[in-house]
Amino acid sequence: MRATWRKLALGIAFTAVCALALNVSAAAQGTDPFVGTWKVDLAKSTYKPGPAPKSLTVDITAAADKTFKVAVDGVDAEGKPIKAGYTATRDGKDVPVTGSPAFDTAALTQTGPNDVSIVYKKGGKPAVTAKASVAKDGKTMTVNYTGTDPKGQAINNVVLYVKQ
C-alpha cells in the first residue's frame, strides 16, 4: 500500500510539472508564468484518498526551442526522496517521463492562456487526467487530478502550488 501511494505522489508531482510546462500564449507575449520554482502548499491541498507528500518542489526552465526542462524534488509520505525530470513540448503528443514508477508518458494540451490538460499513461493506457490553472496574478497554480491509482482506487486530488 505504501509503495502505491509513493508511486501516486510521484505521478501527481509530474502532473504539476506538465502543467507548469505549458503556456503557449503567455510565452509568446513575454515571460511565461509557468517558468520558475513552484512549491506545494500542503495546507491548502486535498489528497483523496491520500496520503500527501511531505514536500514537493518543481523547477521549470524554458529553452529557446519552446521546450521546457523540468526537475522535481521532494519527499513522499513515507519520507523517501522524490527526484524526477523530463523535457516537454506543447504539441499534445506523449513525452517520456523518467523517475516515475506510476507513469511512463504524459500528453500535454494547452486549453487556454493559463490552462492545461494533461493525460498521464502507464503502459500506453490513461491512468490520471489533470486540469491545471495558473491564477491571473501568476502566484498560484491549482491542479485537479482525477483517475485511478496503481491499485485501481479512484483519486480526486486538488493541489495548490505557490510560485517561489
C-alpha atoms as a PDB file:
ATOM      1  CA  MET A   1       0.000   0.000   0.000  1.00  0.00           C
ATOM      2  CA  ARG A   2       2.788   2.453   0.891  1.00  0.00           C
ATOM      3  CA  ALA A   3       4.585   1.777  -2.377  1.00  0.00           C
ATOM      4  CA  THR A   4       1.329   2.516  -4.231  1.00  0.00           C
ATOM      5  CA  TRP A   5       1.000   5.922  -2.563  1.00  0.00           C
ATOM      6  CA  ARG A   6       4.654   6.692  -3.280  1.00  0.00           C
ATOM      7  CA  LYS A   7       4.011   5.964  -6.946  1.00  0.00           C
ATOM      8  CA  LEU A   8       0.872   8.083  -6.921  1.00  0.00           C
ATOM      9  CA  ALA A   9       2.586  11.005  -5.171  1.00  0.00           C
ATOM     10  CA  LEU A  10       5.375  10.925  -7.721  1.00  0.00           C
ATOM     11  CA  GLY A  11       2.854  10.748 -10.548  1.00  0.00           C
ATOM     12  CA  ILE A  12       0.990  13.716  -9.168  1.00  0.00           C
ATOM     13  CA  ALA A  13       4.223  15.648  -8.998  1.00  0.00           C
ATOM     14  CA  PHE A  14       4.664  15.041 -12.708  1.00  0.00           C
ATOM     15  CA  THR A  15       1.197  16.336 -13.404  1.00  0.00           C
ATOM     16  CA  ALA A  16       2.121  19.625 -11.815  1.00  0.00           C
ATOM     17  CA  VAL A  17       5.313  19.665 -13.779  1.00  0.00           C
ATOM     18  CA  CYS A  18       3.451  19.172 -17.041  1.00  0.00           C
ATOM     19  CA  ALA A  19       1.036  21.910 -16.159  1.00  0.00           C
ATOM     20  CA  LEU A  20       3.902  24.268 -15.481  1.00  0.00           C
ATOM     21  CA  ALA A  21       5.490  23.494 -18.811  1.00  0.00           C
ATOM     22  CA  LEU A  22       2.524  24.632 -20.876  1.00  0.00           C
ATOM     23  CA  ASN A  23       1.572  28.196 -21.640  1.00  0.00           C
ATOM     24  CA  VAL A  24       1.969  28.948 -25.314  1.00  0.00           C
ATOM     25  CA  SER A  25       0.289  32.327 -25.481  1.00  0.00           C
ATOM     26  CA  ALA A  26       1.980  33.690 -22.372  1.00  0.00           C
ATOM     27  CA  ALA A  27       5.363  32.589 -23.650  1.00  0.00           C
ATOM     28  CA  ALA A  28       4.717  34.357 -26.939  1.00  0.00           C
ATOM     29  CA  GLN A  29       3.797  37.575 -25.116  1.00  0.00           C
ATOM     30  CA  GLY A  30       6.767  37.663 -22.753  1.00  0.00           C
ATOM     31  CA  THR A  31       7.652  35.901 -19.540  1.00  0.00           C
ATOM     32  CA  ASP A  32       5.956  32.532 -19.238  1.00  0.00           C
ATOM     33  CA  PRO A  33       4.082  32.418 -15.890  1.00  0.00           C
ATOM     34  CA  PHE A  34       4.782  28.676 -15.533  1.00  0.00           C
ATOM     35  CA  VAL A  35       8.557  29.069 -15.622  1.00  0.00           C
ATOM     36  CA  GLY A  36      10.189  29.251 -12.221  1.00  0.00           C
ATOM     37  CA  THR A  37      10.178  27.346  -8.953  1.00  0.00           C
ATOM     38  CA  TRP A  38       6.881  26.099  -7.516  1.00  0.00           C
ATOM     39  CA  LYS A  39       6.269  24.594  -4.083  1.00  0.00           C
ATOM     40  CA  VAL A  40       3.227  22.593  -2.993  1.00  0.00           C
ATOM     41  CA  ASP A  41       1.075  24.215  -0.282  1.00  0.00           C
ATOM     42  CA  LEU A  42       0.002  21.162   1.697  1.00  0.00           C
ATOM     43  CA  ALA A  43      -2.318  23.117   3.991  1.00  0.00           C
ATOM     44  CA  LYS A  44      -4.410  24.257   1.003  1.00  0.00           C
ATOM     45  CA  SER A  45      -4.295  20.963  -0.903  1.00  0.00           C
ATOM     46  CA  THR A  46      -6.601  17.955  -0.702  1.00  0.00           C
ATOM     47  CA  TYR A  47      -5.409  14.412  -1.422  1.00  0.00           C
ATOM     48  CA  LYS A  48      -8.217  11.843  -1.717  1.00  0.00           C
ATOM     49  CA  PRO A  49      -7.666   9.161  -0.751  1.00  0.00           C
ATOM     50  CA  GLY A  50      -4.132  10.264   0.317  1.00  0.00           C
ATOM     51  CA  PRO A  51      -1.599  10.481   1.818  1.00  0.00           C
ATOM     52  CA  ALA A  52       0.059  13.682   0.650  1.00  0.00           C
ATOM     53  CA  PRO A  53       3.787  14.002   0.075  1.00  0.00           C
ATOM     54  CA  LYS A  54       5.747  15.699   2.864  1.00  0.00           C
ATOM     55  CA  SER A  55       7.219  18.226   0.425  1.00  0.00           C
ATOM     56  CA  LEU A  56       7.450  18.885  -3.282  1.00  0.00           C
ATOM     57  CA  THR A  57       9.315  21.475  -5.352  1.00  0.00           C
ATOM     58  CA  VAL A  58       9.163  21.786  -9.127  1.00  0.00           C
ATOM     59  CA  ASP A  59      11.727  23.806 -11.070  1.00  0.00           C
ATOM     60  CA  ILE A  60      10.877  24.690 -14.691  1.00  0.00           C
ATOM     61  CA  THR A  61      13.298  26.303 -17.131  1.00  0.00           C
ATOM     62  CA  ALA A  62      12.450  27.298 -20.702  1.00  0.00           C
ATOM     63  CA  ALA A  63      14.599  26.681 -23.750  1.00  0.00           C
ATOM     64  CA  ALA A  64      14.635  28.774 -26.912  1.00  0.00           C
ATOM     65  CA  ASP A  65      13.063  25.982 -28.966  1.00  0.00           C
ATOM     66  CA  LYS A  66       9.824  26.015 -26.908  1.00  0.00           C
ATOM     67  CA  THR A  67      10.809  23.049 -24.789  1.00  0.00           C
ATOM     68  CA  PHE A  68      10.951  23.039 -21.033  1.00  0.00           C
ATOM     69  CA  LYS A  69      13.357  21.245 -18.740  1.00  0.00           C
ATOM     70  CA  VAL A  70      11.588  20.054 -15.624  1.00  0.00           C
ATOM     71  CA  ALA A  71      13.123  18.945 -12.309  1.00  0.00           C
ATOM     72  CA  VAL A  72      11.009  17.572  -9.463  1.00  0.00           C
ATOM     73  CA  ASP A  73      12.408  17.168  -5.951  1.00  0.00           C
ATOM     74  CA  GLY A  74      10.561  16.251  -2.802  1.00  0.00           C
ATOM     75  CA  VAL A  75       9.833  13.780  -0.047  1.00  0.00           C
ATOM     76  CA  ASP A  76       6.939  11.312  -0.230  1.00  0.00           C
ATOM     77  CA  ALA A  77       4.585  10.453   2.632  1.00  0.00           C
ATOM     78  CA  GLU A  78       6.963   7.701   3.825  1.00  0.00           C
ATOM     79  CA  GLY A  79       9.952  10.053   3.939  1.00  0.00           C
ATOM     80  CA  LYS A  80      11.568   8.687   0.757  1.00  0.00           C
ATOM     81  CA  PRO A  81      13.047  11.108  -1.773  1.00  0.00           C
ATOM     82  CA  ILE A  82      11.209  12.027  -4.957  1.00  0.00           C
ATOM     83  CA  LYS A  83      13.537  13.013  -7.786  1.00  0.00           C
ATOM     84  CA  ALA A  84      12.457  13.030 -11.403  1.00  0.00           C
ATOM     85  CA  GLY A  85      12.543  15.065 -14.567  1.00  0.00           C
ATOM     86  CA  TYR A  86      11.802  15.344 -18.259  1.00  0.00           C
ATOM     87  CA  THR A  87      11.816  17.663 -21.239  1.00  0.00           C
ATOM     88  CA  ALA A  88       8.439  18.568 -22.733  1.00  0.00           C
ATOM     89  CA  THR A  89       6.967  20.372 -25.684  1.00  0.00           C
ATOM     90  CA  ARG A  90       3.422  21.655 -26.016  1.00  0.00           C
ATOM     91  CA  ASP A  91       2.279  19.625 -29.021  1.00  0.00           C
ATOM     92  CA  GLY A  92      -0.221  17.270 -27.356  1.00  0.00           C
ATOM     93  CA  LYS A  93       1.950  14.213 -28.027  1.00  0.00           C
ATOM     94  CA  ASP A  94       3.199  11.785 -25.404  1.00  0.00           C
ATOM     95  CA  VAL A  95       6.565  12.648 -23.889  1.00  0.00           C
ATOM     96  CA  PRO A  96       8.608  10.196 -21.810  1.00  0.00           C
ATOM     97  CA  VAL A  97       8.554  10.631 -18.044  1.00  0.00           C
ATOM     98  CA  THR A  98      11.671   9.485 -16.172  1.00  0.00           C
ATOM     99  CA  GLY A  99      11.883   8.677 -12.488  1.00  0.00           C
ATOM    100  CA  SER A 100       8.172   7.902 -12.040  1.00  0.00           C
ATOM    101  CA  PRO A 101       7.059   4.352 -11.262  1.00  0.00           C
ATOM    102  CA  ALA A 102       3.402   5.391 -11.746  1.00  0.00           C
ATOM    103  CA  PHE A 103       3.577   6.848 -15.292  1.00  0.00           C
ATOM    104  CA  ASP A 104       5.570   6.278 -18.480  1.00  0.00           C
ATOM    105  CA  THR A 105       4.318   9.244 -20.521  1.00  0.00           C
ATOM    106  CA  ALA A 106       2.370  12.467 -20.356  1.00  0.00           C
ATOM    107  CA  ALA A 107       0.367  14.102 -23.158  1.00  0.00           C
ATOM    108  CA  LEU A 108       0.013  17.867 -22.662  1.00  0.00           C
ATOM    109  CA  THR A 109      -2.580  20.118 -24.302  1.00  0.00           C
ATOM    110  CA  GLN A 110      -2.957  23.883 -23.895  1.00  0.00           C
ATOM    111  CA  THR A 111      -6.652  24.588 -23.254  1.00  0.00           C
ATOM    112  CA  GLY A 112      -6.472  28.331 -22.506  1.00  0.00           C
ATOM    113  CA  PRO A 113      -3.995  31.111 -21.813  1.00  0.00           C
ATOM    114  CA  ASN A 114      -3.386  29.854 -18.246  1.00  0.00           C
ATOM    115  CA  ASP A 115      -4.914  26.387 -18.512  1.00  0.00           C
ATOM    116  CA  VAL A 116      -3.533  22.963 -19.381  1.00  0.00           C
ATOM    117  CA  SER A 117      -4.931  19.454 -19.637  1.00  0.00           C
ATOM    118  CA  ILE A 118      -2.594  16.507 -19.077  1.00  0.00           C
ATOM    119  CA  VAL A 119      -3.203  12.794 -19.615  1.00  0.00           C
ATOM    120  CA  TYR A 120      -0.756  10.518 -17.819  1.00  0.00           C
ATOM    121  CA  LYS A 121      -0.311   6.978 -19.114  1.00  0.00           C
ATOM    122  CA  LYS A 122       1.227   3.767 -17.847  1.00  0.00           C
ATOM    123  CA  GLY A 123       1.904   1.083 -20.420  1.00  0.00           C
ATOM    124  CA  GLY A 124       0.070   3.150 -23.040  1.00  0.00           C
ATOM    125  CA  LYS A 125      -3.158   3.271 -21.021  1.00  0.00           C
ATOM    126  CA  PRO A 126      -4.527   6.509 -19.493  1.00  0.00           C
ATOM    127  CA  ALA A 127      -4.298   6.498 -15.701  1.00  0.00           C
ATOM    128  CA  VAL A 128      -4.744  10.095 -14.479  1.00  0.00           C
ATOM    129  CA  THR A 129      -6.060  13.287 -16.048  1.00  0.00           C
ATOM    130  CA  ALA A 130      -5.048  16.653 -14.631  1.00  0.00           C
ATOM    131  CA  LYS A 131      -6.547  20.079 -15.238  1.00  0.00           C
ATOM    132  CA  ALA A 132      -4.147  22.851 -14.242  1.00  0.00           C
ATOM    133  CA  SER A 133      -4.789  26.562 -13.996  1.00  0.00           C
ATOM    134  CA  VAL A 134      -2.418  29.389 -13.072  1.00  0.00           C
ATOM    135  CA  ALA A 135      -4.040  32.365 -11.332  1.00  0.00           C
ATOM    136  CA  LYS A 136      -4.075  35.646 -13.256  1.00  0.00           C
ATOM    137  CA  ASP A 137      -1.588  37.150 -10.793  1.00  0.00           C
ATOM    138  CA  GLY A 138       0.828  34.283 -11.592  1.00  0.00           C
ATOM    139  CA  LYS A 139       1.433  33.470  -7.928  1.00  0.00           C
ATOM    140  CA  THR A 140      -0.516  30.211  -7.562  1.00  0.00           C
ATOM    141  CA  MET A 141      -1.461  27.216  -9.629  1.00  0.00           C
ATOM    142  CA  THR A 142      -4.288  24.785  -8.888  1.00  0.00           C
ATOM    143  CA  VAL A 143      -4.210  21.270 -10.324  1.00  0.00           C
ATOM    144  CA  ASN A 144      -7.261  18.969 -10.202  1.00  0.00           C
ATOM    145  CA  TYR A 145      -6.402  15.273 -10.613  1.00  0.00           C
ATOM    146  CA  THR A 146      -8.862  12.514 -11.445  1.00  0.00           C
ATOM    147  CA  GLY A 147      -8.236   8.920 -12.368  1.00  0.00           C
ATOM    148  CA  THR A 148      -7.105   5.666 -10.868  1.00  0.00           C
ATOM    149  CA  ASP A 149      -4.054   4.852  -8.783  1.00  0.00           C
ATOM    150  CA  PRO A 150      -1.899   1.758  -9.485  1.00  0.00           C
ATOM    151  CA  LYS A 151      -4.131  -0.328  -7.178  1.00  0.00           C
ATOM    152  CA  GLY A 152      -7.292   0.682  -9.024  1.00  0.00           C
ATOM    153  CA  GLN A 153      -8.558   3.153  -6.402  1.00  0.00           C
ATOM    154  CA  ALA A 154     -10.272   6.309  -7.626  1.00  0.00           C
ATOM    155  CA  ILE A 155      -8.395   9.524  -6.912  1.00  0.00           C
ATOM    156  CA  ASN A 156      -9.693  13.066  -6.743  1.00  0.00           C
ATOM    157  CA  ASN A 157      -6.946  15.457  -5.641  1.00  0.00           C
ATOM    158  CA  VAL A 158      -6.871  19.249  -5.645  1.00  0.00           C
ATOM    159  CA  VAL A 159      -3.320  20.527  -5.220  1.00  0.00           C
ATOM    160  CA  LEU A 160      -2.222  24.134  -4.817  1.00  0.00           C
ATOM    161  CA  TYR A 161       1.286  25.259  -5.803  1.00  0.00           C
ATOM    162  CA  VAL A 162       2.857  28.586  -4.857  1.00  0.00           C
ATOM    163  CA  LYS A 163       5.451  30.292  -7.028  1.00  0.00           C
ATOM    164  CA  GLN A 164       8.688  30.932  -5.099  1.00  0.00           C
END
